[in-house]
Protein backbone atom coordinates (compact mmCIF):
# COMPACT_ATOMS: atom_id res chain seq x y z
CA MET A 1 42.55 74.38 -85.86
CA ASP A 2 41.28 74.32 -82.33
CA LYS A 3 37.73 74.95 -83.54
CA HIS A 4 38.16 71.85 -85.41
CA HIS A 5 39.29 69.85 -82.47
CA ASN A 6 36.66 71.07 -80.31
CA GLN A 7 33.89 69.88 -82.90
CA SER A 8 35.36 66.64 -83.17
CA ALA A 9 35.54 66.26 -79.28
CA SER A 10 31.92 67.03 -79.40
CA ILE A 11 30.91 64.62 -81.81
CA GLN A 12 33.44 62.17 -80.02
CA ALA A 13 31.19 62.78 -76.71
CA ARG A 14 28.10 62.51 -78.46
CA LEU A 15 28.71 59.07 -79.68
CA ILE A 16 30.35 58.08 -76.04
CA SER A 17 27.19 59.25 -74.45
CA LEU A 18 24.86 57.35 -77.02
CA LEU A 19 26.86 54.53 -76.51
CA ALA A 20 26.72 54.38 -72.64
CA SER A 21 22.92 55.04 -72.67
CA LEU A 22 22.14 52.61 -75.19
CA PRO A 23 21.72 49.29 -72.68
CA PHE A 24 19.24 52.25 -70.27
CA SER A 25 17.55 52.96 -73.46
CA VAL A 26 17.03 49.60 -74.52
CA LEU A 27 15.77 48.22 -71.29
CA THR A 28 13.31 51.43 -71.09
CA ALA A 29 11.96 50.72 -74.28
CA VAL A 30 11.31 47.05 -73.67
CA PHE A 31 9.38 47.89 -70.34
CA ILE A 32 7.53 50.33 -71.91
CA TRP A 33 6.63 47.91 -74.80
CA MET A 34 5.86 45.01 -72.38
CA GLY A 35 3.38 46.99 -69.94
CA ILE A 36 1.44 48.27 -73.15
CA ASN A 37 0.81 44.91 -74.31
CA LYS A 38 0.65 43.43 -70.80
CA GLU A 39 -2.65 45.74 -70.73
CA LEU A 40 -3.24 45.01 -74.32
CA MET A 41 -3.46 41.57 -73.70
CA TYR A 42 -6.75 41.89 -71.75
CA TRP A 43 -8.45 43.31 -74.60
CA GLY A 44 -7.32 41.37 -77.35
CA GLY A 45 -4.75 43.58 -78.78
CA PHE A 46 -0.85 43.67 -79.27
CA LEU A 47 1.67 45.99 -80.39
CA SER A 48 3.93 44.79 -83.09
CA SER A 49 7.71 44.89 -82.58
CA SER A 50 8.30 47.93 -85.01
CA TYR A 51 6.78 49.82 -81.97
CA LEU A 52 9.60 48.47 -79.82
CA LEU A 53 11.89 49.49 -82.63
CA THR A 54 10.62 52.97 -83.32
CA CYS A 55 10.83 53.60 -79.25
CA ILE A 56 14.33 52.54 -79.39
CA MET A 57 15.42 54.67 -82.17
CA LEU A 58 13.42 57.57 -80.82
CA PHE A 59 15.54 57.04 -77.34
CA ALA A 60 18.78 56.97 -79.76
CA VAL A 61 18.04 60.09 -81.19
CA LEU A 62 17.17 61.92 -78.02
CA ALA A 63 20.47 60.38 -76.54
CA LEU A 64 22.22 62.10 -79.64
CA VAL A 65 20.63 65.24 -79.73
CA LEU A 66 20.50 66.05 -75.91
CA PRO A 67 23.20 64.04 -74.32
CA LYS A 68 22.99 66.11 -70.91
CA LEU A 69 19.33 66.29 -70.51
CA PHE A 70 18.85 62.46 -71.74
CA PRO A 71 19.65 61.02 -68.23
CA SER A 72 16.81 63.39 -66.71
CA ILE A 73 14.52 62.61 -69.25
CA LEU A 74 15.30 58.52 -68.76
CA GLY A 75 14.66 59.17 -64.85
CA ARG A 76 11.43 61.04 -65.49
CA ILE A 77 10.12 58.10 -67.93
CA TRP A 78 11.04 55.42 -65.22
CA ARG A 79 9.00 57.47 -62.36
CA GLY A 80 6.33 57.47 -64.65
CA ILE A 81 6.61 53.61 -65.22
CA VAL A 82 6.79 53.18 -61.54
CA SER A 83 3.77 55.35 -60.66
CA VAL A 84 1.88 53.89 -63.53
CA GLU A 85 2.62 50.22 -62.34
CA ARG A 86 1.38 51.39 -58.73
CA TRP A 87 -1.90 52.96 -60.04
CA TRP A 88 -2.49 49.49 -61.96
CA GLY A 89 -1.82 47.54 -58.88
CA TRP A 90 1.22 45.09 -60.01
């Protein structure tokens, strides 16, 4: 019985972690998608919204599979976004 309780608590913790990380995941995916499209705009290209939805789904899977590591993954992505934006001179 205790093992079943720990398993359901783990599932509940993962779902809460997923819901808590969802706003940050969506914002990160939108910034990545907009940044890439901003640069592609100069060359006449454009990424469709399916790439945005794929990125959001990827972040959701990462948050569900790696709930304790996901915040550090997002932190590294944000540091990468900031360094790329500085490199591009924006």
